[in-house]
């Protein structure tokens, strides 16, 4: 059908599915790096909020340097404001929708190692 894209991402990890040049919608599925034992860092995006929506499975947002745990509920919108440290833990059957500005990148985000507490480059 002209003017309609029907898209899906079923692979592991994070993938941008729609990118309009202004905003992006991504899919985040389980991958080893999203298991709690494998988390290496927390991040913050300095120019954009990031919205998470749990579609399937289980997911926990870690918020702030204190890693406050927020157990996500399906189909609720979790808006992580610009400048807030965060990461996410997901179950193997998880599917999470993410929306953010298209220009969100490592050049306007920061990362702190969970092992050392120091800033790292990604």
PDB file of N, CA and C in Angstrom:
ATOM      1  N   UNK A   1       0.851  -1.171   0.000  1.00  0.00           N
ATOM      2  CA  UNK A   1       0.000   0.000   0.000  1.00  0.00           C
ATOM      3  C   UNK A   1       0.900   1.239   0.000  1.00  0.00           C
ATOM      4  N   UNK A   2       0.661   2.158  -0.875  1.00  0.00           N
ATOM      5  CA  UNK A   2       1.458   3.370  -0.989  1.00  0.00           C
ATOM      6  C   UNK A   2       1.287   4.248   0.240  1.00  0.00           C
ATOM      7  N   UNK A   3       2.415   4.722   0.778  1.00  0.00           N
ATOM      8  CA  UNK A   3       2.375   5.627   1.922  1.00  0.00           C
ATOM      9  C   UNK A   3       2.317   4.948   3.270  1.00  0.00           C
ATOM     10  N   UNK A   4       2.440   3.641   3.295  1.00  0.00           N
ATOM     11  CA  UNK A   4       2.386   2.906   4.554  1.00  0.00           C
ATOM     12  C   UNK A   4       3.552   1.939   4.625  1.00  0.00           C
ATOM     13  N   UNK A   5       4.327   2.030   5.709  1.00  0.00           N
ATOM     14  CA  UNK A   5       5.390   1.064   5.966  1.00  0.00           C
ATOM     15  C   UNK A   5       4.952   0.192   7.131  1.00  0.00           C
ATOM     16  N   UNK A   6       5.060  -1.106   6.984  1.00  0.00           N
ATOM     17  CA  UNK A   6       4.777  -2.037   8.076  1.00  0.00           C
ATOM     18  C   UNK A   6       6.100  -2.692   8.427  1.00  0.00           C
ATOM     19  N   UNK A   7       6.588  -2.402   9.630  1.00  0.00           N
ATOM     20  CA  UNK A   7       7.936  -2.783  10.017  1.00  0.00           C
ATOM     21  C   UNK A   7       7.922  -3.636  11.275  1.00  0.00           C
ATOM     22  N   UNK A   8       8.978  -4.414  11.445  1.00  0.00           N
ATOM     23  CA  UNK A   8       9.117  -5.245  12.630  1.00  0.00           C
ATOM     24  C   UNK A   8      10.598  -5.512  12.852  1.00  0.00           C
ATOM     25  N   UNK A   9      10.989  -5.612  14.107  1.00  0.00           N
ATOM     26  CA  UNK A   9      12.347  -6.029  14.442  1.00  0.00           C
ATOM     27  C   UNK A   9      12.244  -7.129  15.477  1.00  0.00           C
ATOM     28  N   UNK A  10      12.763  -8.308  15.168  1.00  0.00           N
ATOM     29  CA  UNK A  10      12.677  -9.441  16.086  1.00  0.00           C
ATOM     30  C   UNK A  10      14.051  -9.929  16.532  1.00  0.00           C
ATOM     31  N   UNK A  11      15.100  -9.233  16.130  1.00  0.00           N
ATOM     32  CA  UNK A  11      16.449  -9.628  16.511  1.00  0.00           C
ATOM     33  C   UNK A  11      16.763  -9.266  17.953  1.00  0.00           C
ATOM     34  N   UNK A  12      17.970  -9.573  18.378  1.00  0.00           N
ATOM     35  CA  UNK A  12      18.413  -9.246  19.731  1.00  0.00           C
ATOM     36  C   UNK A  12      18.806  -7.782  19.816  1.00  0.00           C
ATOM     37  N   UNK A  13      18.603  -7.206  21.001  1.00  0.00           N
ATOM     38  CA  UNK A  13      19.114  -5.876  21.290  1.00  0.00           C
ATOM     39  C   UNK A  13      18.282  -4.745  20.740  1.00  0.00           C
ATOM     40  N   UNK A  14      18.951  -3.625  20.505  1.00  0.00           N
ATOM     41  CA  UNK A  14      18.324  -2.357  20.132  1.00  0.00           C
ATOM     42  C   UNK A  14      18.462  -2.126  18.637  1.00  0.00           C
ATOM     43  N   UNK A  15      17.366  -1.684  18.019  1.00  0.00           N
ATOM     44  CA  UNK A  15      17.423  -1.330  16.608  1.00  0.00           C
ATOM     45  C   UNK A  15      16.424  -0.220  16.321  1.00  0.00           C
ATOM     46  N   UNK A  16      16.882   0.837  15.649  1.00  0.00           N
ATOM     47  CA  UNK A  16      15.968   1.880  15.198  1.00  0.00           C
ATOM     48  C   UNK A  16      15.126   1.304  14.067  1.00  0.00           C
ATOM     49  N   UNK A  17      13.817   1.453  14.186  1.00  0.00           N
ATOM     50  CA  UNK A  17      12.902   0.898  13.206  1.00  0.00           C
ATOM     51  C   UNK A  17      12.366   1.997  12.287  1.00  0.00           C
ATOM     52  N   UNK A  18      12.059   3.151  12.855  1.00  0.00           N
ATOM     53  CA  UNK A  18      11.587   4.304  12.088  1.00  0.00           C
ATOM     54  C   UNK A  18      12.441   5.501  12.475  1.00  0.00           C
ATOM     55  N   UNK A  19      12.931   6.214  11.478  1.00  0.00           N
ATOM     56  CA  UNK A  19      13.691   7.435  11.745  1.00  0.00           C
ATOM     57  C   UNK A  19      13.249   8.492  10.744  1.00  0.00           C
ATOM     58  N   UNK A  20      12.567   9.513  11.232  1.00  0.00           N
ATOM     59  CA  UNK A  20      12.025  10.552  10.355  1.00  0.00           C
ATOM     60  C   UNK A  20      12.990  11.698  10.122  1.00  0.00           C
ATOM     61  N   UNK A  21      14.131  11.675  10.806  1.00  0.00           N
ATOM     62  CA  UNK A  21      15.045  12.804  10.761  1.00  0.00           C
ATOM     63  C   UNK A  21      14.805  13.773  11.906  1.00  0.00           C
ATOM     64  N   UNK A  22      13.641  13.696  12.527  1.00  0.00           N
ATOM     65  CA  UNK A  22      13.318  14.505  13.708  1.00  0.00           C
ATOM     66  C   UNK A  22      13.178  13.620  14.937  1.00  0.00           C
ATOM     67  N   UNK A  23      12.505  12.493  14.774  1.00  0.00           N
ATOM     68  CA  UNK A  23      12.313  11.553  15.874  1.00  0.00           C
ATOM     69  C   UNK A  23      12.499  10.135  15.357  1.00  0.00           C
ATOM     70  N   UNK A  24      12.741   9.239  16.307  1.00  0.00           N
ATOM     71  CA  UNK A  24      12.953   7.841  15.963  1.00  0.00           C
ATOM     72  C   UNK A  24      12.148   6.942  16.895  1.00  0.00           C
ATOM     73  N   UNK A  25      11.719   5.821  16.361  1.00  0.00           N
ATOM     74  CA  UNK A  25      11.093   4.764  17.147  1.00  0.00           C
ATOM     75  C   UNK A  25      11.981   3.543  17.000  1.00  0.00           C
ATOM     76  N   UNK A  26      12.339   2.964  18.134  1.00  0.00           N
ATOM     77  CA  UNK A  26      13.237   1.812  18.137  1.00  0.00           C
ATOM     78  C   UNK A  26      12.595   0.651  18.872  1.00  0.00           C
ATOM     79  N   UNK A  27      13.131  -0.517  18.615  1.00  0.00           N
ATOM     80  CA  UNK A  27      12.718  -1.728  19.313  1.00  0.00           C
ATOM     81  C   UNK A  27      13.898  -2.199  20.153  1.00  0.00           C
ATOM     82  N   UNK A  28      13.625  -2.520  21.407  1.00  0.00           N
ATOM     83  CA  UNK A  28      14.647  -3.088  22.281  1.00  0.00           C
ATOM     84  C   UNK A  28      14.141  -4.447  22.722  1.00  0.00           C
ATOM     85  N   UNK A  29      14.863  -5.473  22.314  1.00  0.00           N
ATOM     86  CA  UNK A  29      14.556  -6.847  22.698  1.00  0.00           C
ATOM     87  C   UNK A  29      15.705  -7.368  23.554  1.00  0.00           C
ATOM     88  N   UNK A  30      15.490  -8.480  24.209  1.00  0.00           N
ATOM     89  CA  UNK A  30      16.530  -9.058  25.045  1.00  0.00           C
ATOM     90  C   UNK A  30      17.818  -9.247  24.243  1.00  0.00           C
ATOM     91  N   UNK A  31      18.909  -8.995  24.897  1.00  0.00           N
ATOM     92  CA  UNK A  31      20.252  -9.344  24.452  1.00  0.00           C
ATOM     93  C   UNK A  31      21.071  -9.512  25.729  1.00  0.00           C
ATOM     94  N   UNK A  32      22.153 -10.259  25.696  1.00  0.00           N
ATOM     95  CA  UNK A  32      22.931 -10.480  26.922  1.00  0.00           C
ATOM     96  C   UNK A  32      23.292  -9.189  27.655  1.00  0.00           C
ATOM     97  N   UNK A  33      23.560  -8.104  26.934  1.00  0.00           N
ATOM     98  CA  UNK A  33      23.970  -6.863  27.598  1.00  0.00           C
ATOM     99  C   UNK A  33      22.852  -6.227  28.416  1.00  0.00           C
ATOM    100  N   UNK A  34      21.592  -6.674  28.227  1.00  0.00           N
ATOM    101  CA  UNK A  34      20.476  -6.136  28.999  1.00  0.00           C
ATOM    102  C   UNK A  34      20.090  -7.023  30.182  1.00  0.00           C
ATOM    103  N   UNK A  35      20.927  -8.003  30.493  1.00  0.00           N
ATOM    104  CA  UNK A  35      20.756  -8.783  31.721  1.00  0.00           C
ATOM    105  C   UNK A  35      21.493  -8.060  32.843  1.00  0.00           C
ATOM    106  N   UNK A  36      20.940  -8.090  34.027  1.00  0.00           N
ATOM    107  CA  UNK A  36      21.508  -7.325  35.142  1.00  0.00           C
ATOM    108  C   UNK A  36      22.979  -7.658  35.383  1.00  0.00           C
ATOM    109  N   UNK A  37      23.339  -8.918  35.316  1.00  0.00           N
ATOM    110  CA  UNK A  37      24.728  -9.329  35.577  1.00  0.00           C
ATOM    111  C   UNK A  37      25.705  -8.783  34.533  1.00  0.00           C
ATOM    112  N   UNK A  38      25.196  -8.392  33.373  1.00  0.00           N
ATOM    113  CA  UNK A  38      26.060  -7.940  32.289  1.00  0.00           C
ATOM    114  C   UNK A  38      26.061  -6.429  32.072  1.00  0.00           C
ATOM    115  N   UNK A  39      25.274  -5.700  32.847  1.00  0.00           N
ATOM    116  CA  UNK A  39      25.230  -4.246  32.653  1.00  0.00           C
ATOM    117  C   UNK A  39      26.599  -3.644  32.940  1.00  0.00           C
ATOM    118  N   UNK A  40      27.068  -2.821  32.018  1.00  0.00           N
ATOM    119  CA  UNK A  40      28.388  -2.225  32.160  1.00  0.00           C
ATOM    120  C   UNK A  40      28.347  -0.745  32.490  1.00  0.00           C
ATOM    121  N   UNK A  41      27.246  -0.062  32.174  1.00  0.00           N
ATOM    122  CA  UNK A  41      27.221   1.389  32.336  1.00  0.00           C
ATOM    123  C   UNK A  41      25.787   1.897  32.497  1.00  0.00           C
ATOM    124  N   UNK A  42      25.696   3.149  32.944  1.00  0.00           N
ATOM    125  CA  UNK A  42      24.460   3.904  32.852  1.00  0.00           C
ATOM    126  C   UNK A  42      24.725   5.053  31.894  1.00  0.00           C
ATOM    127  N   UNK A  43      23.657   5.586  31.336  1.00  0.00           N
ATOM    128  CA  UNK A  43      23.808   6.633  30.332  1.00  0.00           C
ATOM    129  C   UNK A  43      22.829   7.758  30.586  1.00  0.00           C
ATOM    130  N   UNK A  44      23.132   8.901  29.993  1.00  0.00           N
ATOM    131  CA  UNK A  44      22.164   9.996  29.973  1.00  0.00           C
ATOM    132  C   UNK A  44      22.284  10.712  28.638  1.00  0.00           C
ATOM    133  N   UNK A  45      21.131  11.118  28.135  1.00  0.00           N
ATOM    134  CA  UNK A  45      21.066  11.845  26.875  1.00  0.00           C
ATOM    135  C   UNK A  45      20.837  13.305  27.222  1.00  0.00           C
ATOM    136  N   UNK A  46      21.727  14.149  26.799  1.00  0.00           N
ATOM    137  CA  UNK A  46      21.703  15.547  27.230  1.00  0.00           C
ATOM    138  C   UNK A  46      20.729  16.426  26.455  1.00  0.00           C
ATOM    139  N   UNK A  47      20.269  15.984  25.281  1.00  0.00           N
ATOM    140  CA  UNK A  47      19.417  16.832  24.455  1.00  0.00           C
ATOM    141  C   UNK A  47      17.989  16.333  24.285  1.00  0.00           C
ATOM    142  N   UNK A  48      17.682  15.143  24.762  1.00  0.00           N
ATOM    143  CA  UNK A  48      16.363  14.577  24.497  1.00  0.00           C
ATOM    144  C   UNK A  48      15.858  13.710  25.635  1.00  0.00           C
ATOM    145  N   UNK A  49      14.556  13.730  25.814  1.00  0.00           N
ATOM    146  CA  UNK A  49      13.908  12.727  26.648  1.00  0.00           C
ATOM    147  C   UNK A  49      13.948  11.405  25.874  1.00  0.00           C
ATOM    148  N   UNK A  50      13.707  10.316  26.586  1.00  0.00           N
ATOM    149  CA  UNK A  50      13.625   8.995  25.952  1.00  0.00           C
ATOM    150  C   UNK A  50      12.419   8.288  26.559  1.00  0.00           C
ATOM    151  N   UNK A  51      11.509   7.850  25.708  1.00  0.00           N
ATOM    152  CA  UNK A  51      10.275   7.212  26.166  1.00  0.00           C
ATOM    153  C   UNK A  51      10.391   5.703  25.967  1.00  0.00           C
ATOM    154  N   UNK A  52      10.062   4.949  27.012  1.00  0.00           N
ATOM    155  CA  UNK A  52      10.069   3.490  26.994  1.00  0.00           C
ATOM    156  C   UNK A  52       8.642   2.987  27.187  1.00  0.00           C
ATOM    157  N   UNK A  53       8.239   1.986  26.397  1.00  0.00           N
ATOM    158  CA  UNK A  53       6.934   1.342  26.552  1.00  0.00           C
ATOM    159  C   UNK A  53       7.163  -0.166  26.507  1.00  0.00           C
ATOM    160  N   UNK A  54       6.834  -0.845  27.591  1.00  0.00           N
ATOM    161  CA  UNK A  54       6.949  -2.303  27.643  1.00  0.00           C
ATOM    162  C   UNK A  54       5.773  -2.913  26.890  1.00  0.00           C
ATOM    163  N   UNK A  55       6.080  -3.694  25.867  1.00  0.00           N
ATOM    164  CA  UNK A  55       5.041  -4.342  25.071  1.00  0.00           C
ATOM    165  C   UNK A  55       4.825  -5.792  25.481  1.00  0.00           C
ATOM    166  N   UNK A  56       5.915  -6.442  25.929  1.00  0.00           N
ATOM    167  CA  UNK A  56       5.848  -7.868  26.250  1.00  0.00           C
ATOM    168  C   UNK A  56       6.968  -8.204  27.218  1.00  0.00           C
ATOM    169  N   UNK A  57       6.761  -9.192  28.058  1.00  0.00           N
ATOM    170  CA  UNK A  57       7.799  -9.651  28.971  1.00  0.00           C
ATOM    171  C   UNK A  57       7.919  -8.751  30.189  1.00  0.00           C
ATOM    172  N   UNK A  58       9.112  -8.719  30.754  1.00  0.00           N
ATOM    173  CA  UNK A  58       9.394  -7.916  31.947  1.00  0.00           C
ATOM    174  C   UNK A  58      10.566  -6.997  31.678  1.00  0.00           C
ATOM    175  N   UNK A  59      10.498  -5.808  32.272  1.00  0.00           N
ATOM    176  CA  UNK A  59      11.592  -4.849  32.143  1.00  0.00           C
ATOM    177  C   UNK A  59      11.660  -3.988  33.389  1.00  0.00           C
ATOM    178  N   UNK A  60      12.884  -3.616  33.749  1.00  0.00           N
ATOM    179  CA  UNK A  60      13.126  -2.761  34.898  1.00  0.00           C
ATOM    180  C   UNK A  60      14.015  -1.612  34.445  1.00  0.00           C
ATOM    181  N   UNK A  61      13.546  -0.391  34.665  1.00  0.00           N
ATOM    182  CA  UNK A  61      14.375   0.781  34.411  1.00  0.00           C
ATOM    183  C   UNK A  61      15.224   1.045  35.642  1.00  0.00           C
ATOM    184  N   UNK A  62      16.470   1.384  35.438  1.00  0.00           N
ATOM    185  CA  UNK A  62      17.360   1.818  36.507  1.00  0.00           C
ATOM    186  C   UNK A  62      17.541   3.311  36.320  1.00  0.00           C
ATOM    187  N   UNK A  63      17.169   4.093  37.338  1.00  0.00           N
ATOM    188  CA  UNK A  63      17.121   5.546  37.226  1.00  0.00           C
ATOM    189  C   UNK A  63      18.067   6.192  38.234  1.00  0.00           C
ATOM    190  N   UNK A  64      18.851   7.173  37.745  1.00  0.00           N
ATOM    191  CA  UNK A  64      19.756   7.925  38.605  1.00  0.00           C
ATOM    192  C   UNK A  64      21.028   7.156  38.919  1.00  0.00           C
ATOM    193  N   UNK A  65      21.997   7.866  39.469  1.00  0.00           N
ATOM    194  CA  UNK A  65      23.248   7.215  39.861  1.00  0.00           C
ATOM    195  C   UNK A  65      23.027   6.185  40.955  1.00  0.00           C
ATOM    196  N   UNK A  66      21.905   6.339  41.686  1.00  0.00           N
ATOM    197  CA  UNK A  66      21.574   5.398  42.756  1.00  0.00           C
ATOM    198  C   UNK A  66      20.945   4.124  42.204  1.00  0.00           C
ATOM    199  N   UNK A  67      20.662   4.092  40.903  1.00  0.00           N
ATOM    200  CA  UNK A  67      20.058   2.943  40.237  1.00  0.00           C
ATOM    201  C   UNK A  67      18.717   2.549  40.858  1.00  0.00           C
ATOM    202  N   UNK A  68      17.876   3.547  41.075  1.00  0.00           N
ATOM    203  CA  UNK A  68      16.529   3.280  41.588  1.00  0.00           C
ATOM    204  C   UNK A  68      15.796   2.393  40.595  1.00  0.00           C
ATOM    205  N   UNK A  69      15.226   1.298  41.089  1.00  0.00           N
ATOM    206  CA  UNK A  69      14.564   0.316  40.236  1.00  0.00           C
ATOM    207  C   UNK A  69      13.095   0.689  40.029  1.00  0.00           C
ATOM    208  N   UNK A  70      12.687   0.717  38.769  1.00  0.00           N
ATOM    209  CA  UNK A  70      11.288   0.965  38.416  1.00  0.00           C
ATOM    210  C   UNK A  70      10.835  -0.213  37.557  1.00  0.00           C
ATOM    211  N   UNK A  71       9.985  -1.058  38.152  1.00  0.00           N
ATOM    212  CA  UNK A  71       9.446  -2.206  37.418  1.00  0.00           C
ATOM    213  C   UNK A  71       8.404  -1.679  36.436  1.00  0.00           C
ATOM    214  N   UNK A  72       8.634  -1.890  35.168  1.00  0.00           N
ATOM    215  CA  UNK A  72       7.736  -1.369  34.149  1.00  0.00           C
ATOM    216  C   UNK A  72       6.467  -2.219  34.062  1.00  0.00           C
ATOM    217  N   UNK A  73       5.369  -1.544  33.767  1.00  0.00           N
ATOM    218  CA  UNK A  73       4.092  -2.211  33.520  1.00  0.00           C
ATOM    219  C   UNK A  73       3.789  -2.114  32.033  1.00  0.00           C
ATOM    220  N   UNK A  74       3.202  -3.169  31.464  1.00  0.00           N
ATOM    221  CA  UNK A  74       2.915  -3.147  30.027  1.00  0.00           C
ATOM    222  C   UNK A  74       2.034  -1.966  29.624  1.00  0.00           C
ATOM    223  N   UNK A  75       2.372  -1.382  28.483  1.00  0.00           N
ATOM    224  CA  UNK A  75       1.597  -0.336  27.822  1.00  0.00           C
ATOM    225  C   UNK A  75       1.509   0.975  28.594  1.00  0.00           C
ATOM    226  N   UNK A  76       2.379   1.158  29.580  1.00  0.00           N
ATOM    227  CA  UNK A  76       2.513   2.459  30.237  1.00  0.00           C
ATOM    228  C   UNK A  76       3.730   3.148  29.637  1.00  0.00           C
ATOM    229  N   UNK A  77       3.695   4.475  29.578  1.00  0.00           N
ATOM    230  CA  UNK A  77       4.757   5.271  28.963  1.00  0.00           C
ATOM    231  C   UNK A  77       5.687   5.791  30.053  1.00  0.00           C
ATOM    232  N   UNK A  78       6.953   5.455  29.953  1.00  0.00           N
ATOM    233  CA  UNK A  78       7.955   5.876  30.930  1.00  0.00           C
ATOM    234  C   UNK A  78       8.879   6.868  30.240  1.00  0.00           C
ATOM    235  N   UNK A  79       8.753   8.134  30.612  1.00  0.00           N
ATOM    236  CA  UNK A  79       9.528   9.197  29.983  1.00  0.00           C
ATOM    237  C   UNK A  79      10.736   9.528  30.855  1.00  0.00           C
ATOM    238  N   UNK A  80      11.918   9.139  30.390  1.00  0.00           N
ATOM    239  CA  UNK A  80      13.158   9.470  31.082  1.00  0.00           C
ATOM    240  C   UNK A  80      13.600  10.817  30.534  1.00  0.00           C
ATOM    241  N   UNK A  81      13.609  11.813  31.383  1.00  0.00           N
ATOM    242  CA  UNK A  81      13.914  13.181  30.952  1.00  0.00           C
ATOM    243  C   UNK A  81      15.372  13.343  30.557  1.00  0.00           C
ATOM    244  N   UNK A  82      15.607  14.303  29.694  1.00  0.00           N
ATOM    245  CA  UNK A  82      16.972  14.617  29.265  1.00  0.00           C
ATOM    246  C   UNK A  82      17.848  14.860  30.497  1.00  0.00           C
ATOM    247  N   UNK A  83      19.052  14.318  30.477  1.00  0.00           N
ATOM    248  CA  UNK A  83      20.004  14.525  31.566  1.00  0.00           C
ATOM    249  C   UNK A  83      19.878  13.558  32.725  1.00  0.00           C
ATOM    250  N   UNK A  84      18.922  12.623  32.688  1.00  0.00           N
ATOM    251  CA  UNK A  84      18.728  11.666  33.780  1.00  0.00           C
ATOM    252  C   UNK A  84      19.479  10.376  33.450  1.00  0.00           C
ATOM    253  N   UNK A  85      20.312   9.925  34.394  1.00  0.00           N
ATOM    254  CA  UNK A  85      21.055   8.678  34.231  1.00  0.00           C
ATOM    255  C   UNK A  85      20.076   7.517  34.229  1.00  0.00           C
ATOM    256  N   UNK A  86      20.331   6.529  33.352  1.00  0.00           N
ATOM    257  CA  UNK A  86      19.414   5.391  33.277  1.00  0.00           C
ATOM    258  C   UNK A  86      20.048   4.225  32.516  1.00  0.00           C
ATOM    259  N   UNK A  87      19.413   3.086  32.648  1.00  0.00           N
ATOM    260  CA  UNK A  87      19.637   1.905  31.818  1.00  0.00           C
ATOM    261  C   UNK A  87      18.436   1.006  32.021  1.00  0.00           C
ATOM    262  N   UNK A  88      18.406  -0.129  31.359  1.00  0.00           N
ATOM    263  CA  UNK A  88      17.254  -1.017  31.421  1.00  0.00           C
ATOM    264  C   UNK A  88      17.714  -2.465  31.497  1.00  0.00           C
ATOM    265  N   UNK A  89      16.954  -3.266  32.251  1.00  0.00           N
ATOM    266  CA  UNK A  89      17.142  -4.709  32.351  1.00  0.00           C
ATOM    267  C   UNK A  89      15.878  -5.333  31.758  1.00  0.00           C
ATOM    268  N   UNK A  90      16.036  -6.353  30.916  1.00  0.00           N
ATOM    269  CA  UNK A  90      14.858  -6.972  30.311  1.00  0.00           C
ATOM    270  C   UNK A  90      14.932  -8.493  30.392  1.00  0.00           C
ATOM    271  N   UNK A  91      13.760  -9.129  30.419  1.00  0.00           N
ATOM    272  CA  UNK A  91      13.658 -10.587  30.391  1.00  0.00           C
ATOM    273  C   UNK A  91      13.864 -11.088  28.961  1.00  0.00           C
ATOM    274  N   UNK A  92      14.102 -12.379  28.817  1.00  0.00           N
ATOM    275  CA  UNK A  92      14.385 -12.940  27.495  1.00  0.00           C
ATOM    276  C   UNK A  92      13.229 -12.790  26.521  1.00  0.00           C
ATOM    277  N   UNK A  93      12.010 -12.677  27.014  1.00  0.00           N
ATOM    278  CA  UNK A  93      10.854 -12.534  26.123  1.00  0.00           C
ATOM    279  C   UNK A  93      10.410 -11.075  25.971  1.00  0.00           C
ATOM    280  N   UNK A  94      11.215 -10.149  26.459  1.00  0.00           N
ATOM    281  CA  UNK A  94      10.819  -8.730  26.468  1.00  0.00           C
ATOM    282  C   UNK A  94      10.872  -8.099  25.087  1.00  0.00           C
ATOM    283  N   UNK A  95       9.935  -7.173  24.901  1.00  0.00           N
ATOM    284  CA  UNK A  95       9.932  -6.285  23.738  1.00  0.00           C
ATOM    285  C   UNK A  95       9.551  -4.910  24.261  1.00  0.00           C
ATOM    286  N   UNK A  96      10.430  -3.938  24.012  1.00  0.00           N
ATOM    287  CA  UNK A  96      10.235  -2.579  24.512  1.00  0.00           C
ATOM    288  C   UNK A  96      10.300  -1.627  23.321  1.00  0.00           C
ATOM    289  N   UNK A  97       9.345  -0.721  23.243  1.00  0.00           N
ATOM    290  CA  UNK A  97       9.350   0.338  22.241  1.00  0.00           C
ATOM    291  C   UNK A  97      10.043   1.542  22.850  1.00  0.00           C
ATOM    292  N   UNK A  98      10.908   2.201  22.079  1.00  0.00           N
ATOM    293  CA  UNK A  98      11.615   3.392  22.536  1.00  0.00           C
ATOM    294  C   UNK A  98      11.409   4.499  21.519  1.00  0.00           C
ATOM    295  N   UNK A  99      11.112   5.705  22.006  1.00  0.00           N
ATOM    296  CA  UNK A  99      10.985   6.881  21.132  1.00  0.00           C
ATOM    297  C   UNK A  99      11.896   7.977  21.671  1.00  0.00           C
ATOM    298  N   UNK A 100      12.608   8.641  20.755  1.00  0.00           N
ATOM    299  CA  UNK A 100      13.508   9.729  21.132  1.00  0.00           C
ATOM    300  C   UNK A 100      13.835  10.556  19.893  1.00  0.00           C
ATOM    301  N   UNK A 101      14.552  11.651  20.089  1.00  0.00           N
ATOM    302  CA  UNK A 101      14.976  12.475  18.960  1.00  0.00           C
ATOM    303  C   UNK A 101      15.916  11.679  18.065  1.00  0.00           C
ATOM    304  N   UNK A 102      15.844  11.933  16.763  1.00  0.00           N
ATOM    305  CA  UNK A 102      16.713  11.236  15.808  1.00  0.00           C
ATOM    306  C   UNK A 102      18.185  11.517  16.029  1.00  0.00           C
ATOM    307  N   UNK A 103      18.513  12.704  16.534  1.00  0.00           N
ATOM    308  CA  UNK A 103      19.924  13.055  16.684  1.00  0.00           C
ATOM    309  C   UNK A 103      20.538  12.578  17.999  1.00  0.00           C
ATOM    310  N   UNK A 104      19.841  11.743  18.740  1.00  0.00           N
ATOM    311  CA  UNK A 104      20.411  11.179  19.960  1.00  0.00           C
ATOM    312  C   UNK A 104      21.554  10.242  19.568  1.00  0.00           C
ATOM    313  N   UNK A 105      22.728  10.498  20.141  1.00  0.00           N
ATOM    314  CA  UNK A 105      23.907   9.709  19.761  1.00  0.00           C
ATOM    315  C   UNK A 105      24.942   9.756  20.877  1.00  0.00           C
ATOM    316  N   UNK A 106      26.044   9.057  20.670  1.00  0.00           N
ATOM    317  CA  UNK A 106      27.129   9.078  21.657  1.00  0.00           C
ATOM    318  C   UNK A 106      27.754  10.465  21.768  1.00  0.00           C
ATOM    319  N   UNK A 107      27.593  11.305  20.745  1.00  0.00           N
ATOM    320  CA  UNK A 107      28.195  12.636  20.794  1.00  0.00           C
ATOM    321  C   UNK A 107      27.437  13.594  21.714  1.00  0.00           C
ATOM    322  N   UNK A 108      26.168  13.299  22.040  1.00  0.00           N
ATOM    323  CA  UNK A 108      25.425  14.170  22.946  1.00  0.00           C
ATOM    324  C   UNK A 108      24.853  13.387  24.137  1.00  0.00           C
ATOM    325  N   UNK A 109      25.509  12.274  24.445  1.00  0.00           N
ATOM    326  CA  UNK A 109      25.155  11.451  25.593  1.00  0.00           C
ATOM    327  C   UNK A 109      26.415  11.192  26.408  1.00  0.00           C
ATOM    328  N   UNK A 110      26.230  10.821  27.666  1.00  0.00           N
ATOM    329  CA  UNK A 110      27.362  10.506  28.538  1.00  0.00           C
ATOM    330  C   UNK A 110      27.138   9.142  29.160  1.00  0.00           C
ATOM    331  N   UNK A 111      28.244   8.515  29.570  1.00  0.00           N
ATOM    332  CA  UNK A 111      28.204   7.152  30.083  1.00  0.00           C
ATOM    333  C   UNK A 111      29.116   7.044  31.297  1.00  0.00           C
ATOM    334  N   UNK A 112      28.634   6.335  32.320  1.00  0.00           N
ATOM    335  CA  UNK A 112      29.431   6.079  33.523  1.00  0.00           C
ATOM    336  C   UNK A 112      29.552   4.569  33.705  1.00  0.00           C
ATOM    337  N   UNK A 113      30.766   4.094  33.895  1.00  0.00           N
ATOM    338  CA  UNK A 113      31.014   2.680  34.145  1.00  0.00           C
ATOM    339  C   UNK A 113      30.436   2.292  35.503  1.00  0.00           C
ATOM    340  N   UNK A 114      29.683   1.186  35.545  1.00  0.00           N
ATOM    341  CA  UNK A 114      29.174   0.690  36.826  1.00  0.00           C
ATOM    342  C   UNK A 114      30.292   0.054  37.642  1.00  0.00           C
ATOM    343  N   UNK A 115      31.342  -0.400  36.997  1.00  0.00           N
ATOM    344  CA  UNK A 115      32.461  -1.035  37.696  1.00  0.00           C
ATOM    345  C   UNK A 115      33.340  -0.017  38.403  1.00  0.00           C
ATOM    346  N   UNK A 116      33.590   1.132  37.752  1.00  0.00           N
ATOM    347  CA  UNK A 116      34.541   2.096  38.309  1.00  0.00           C
ATOM    348  C   UNK A 116      33.906   3.411  38.763  1.00  0.00           C
ATOM    349  N   UNK A 117      32.680   3.699  38.282  1.00  0.00           N
ATOM    350  CA  UNK A 117      32.044   4.975  38.599  1.00  0.00           C
ATOM    351  C   UNK A 117      32.602   6.139  37.808  1.00  0.00           C
ATOM    352  N   UNK A 118      33.459   5.857  36.829  1.00  0.00           N
ATOM    353  CA  UNK A 118      34.082   6.918  36.030  1.00  0.00           C
ATOM    354  C   UNK A 118      33.417   7.036  34.673  1.00  0.00           C
ATOM    355  N   UNK A 119      33.516   8.217  34.076  1.00  0.00           N
ATOM    356  CA  UNK A 119      32.993   8.447  32.737  1.00  0.00           C
ATOM    357  C   UNK A 119      33.751   7.575  31.745  1.00  0.00           C
ATOM    358  N   UNK A 120      33.037   7.036  30.767  1.00  0.00           N
ATOM    359  CA  UNK A 120      33.651   6.236  29.719  1.00  0.00           C
ATOM    360  C   UNK A 120      33.193   6.741  28.358  1.00  0.00           C
ATOM    361  N   UNK A 121      33.961   6.426  27.333  1.00  0.00           N
ATOM    362  CA  UNK A 121      33.607   6.751  25.953  1.00  0.00           C
ATOM    363  C   UNK A 121      32.925   5.545  25.324  1.00  0.00           C
ATOM    364  N   UNK A 122      31.932   5.813  24.513  1.00  0.00           N
ATOM    365  CA  UNK A 122      31.259   4.733  23.766  1.00  0.00           C
ATOM    366  C   UNK A 122      31.272   5.053  22.316  1.00  0.00           C
TER     367      UNK A 122
END
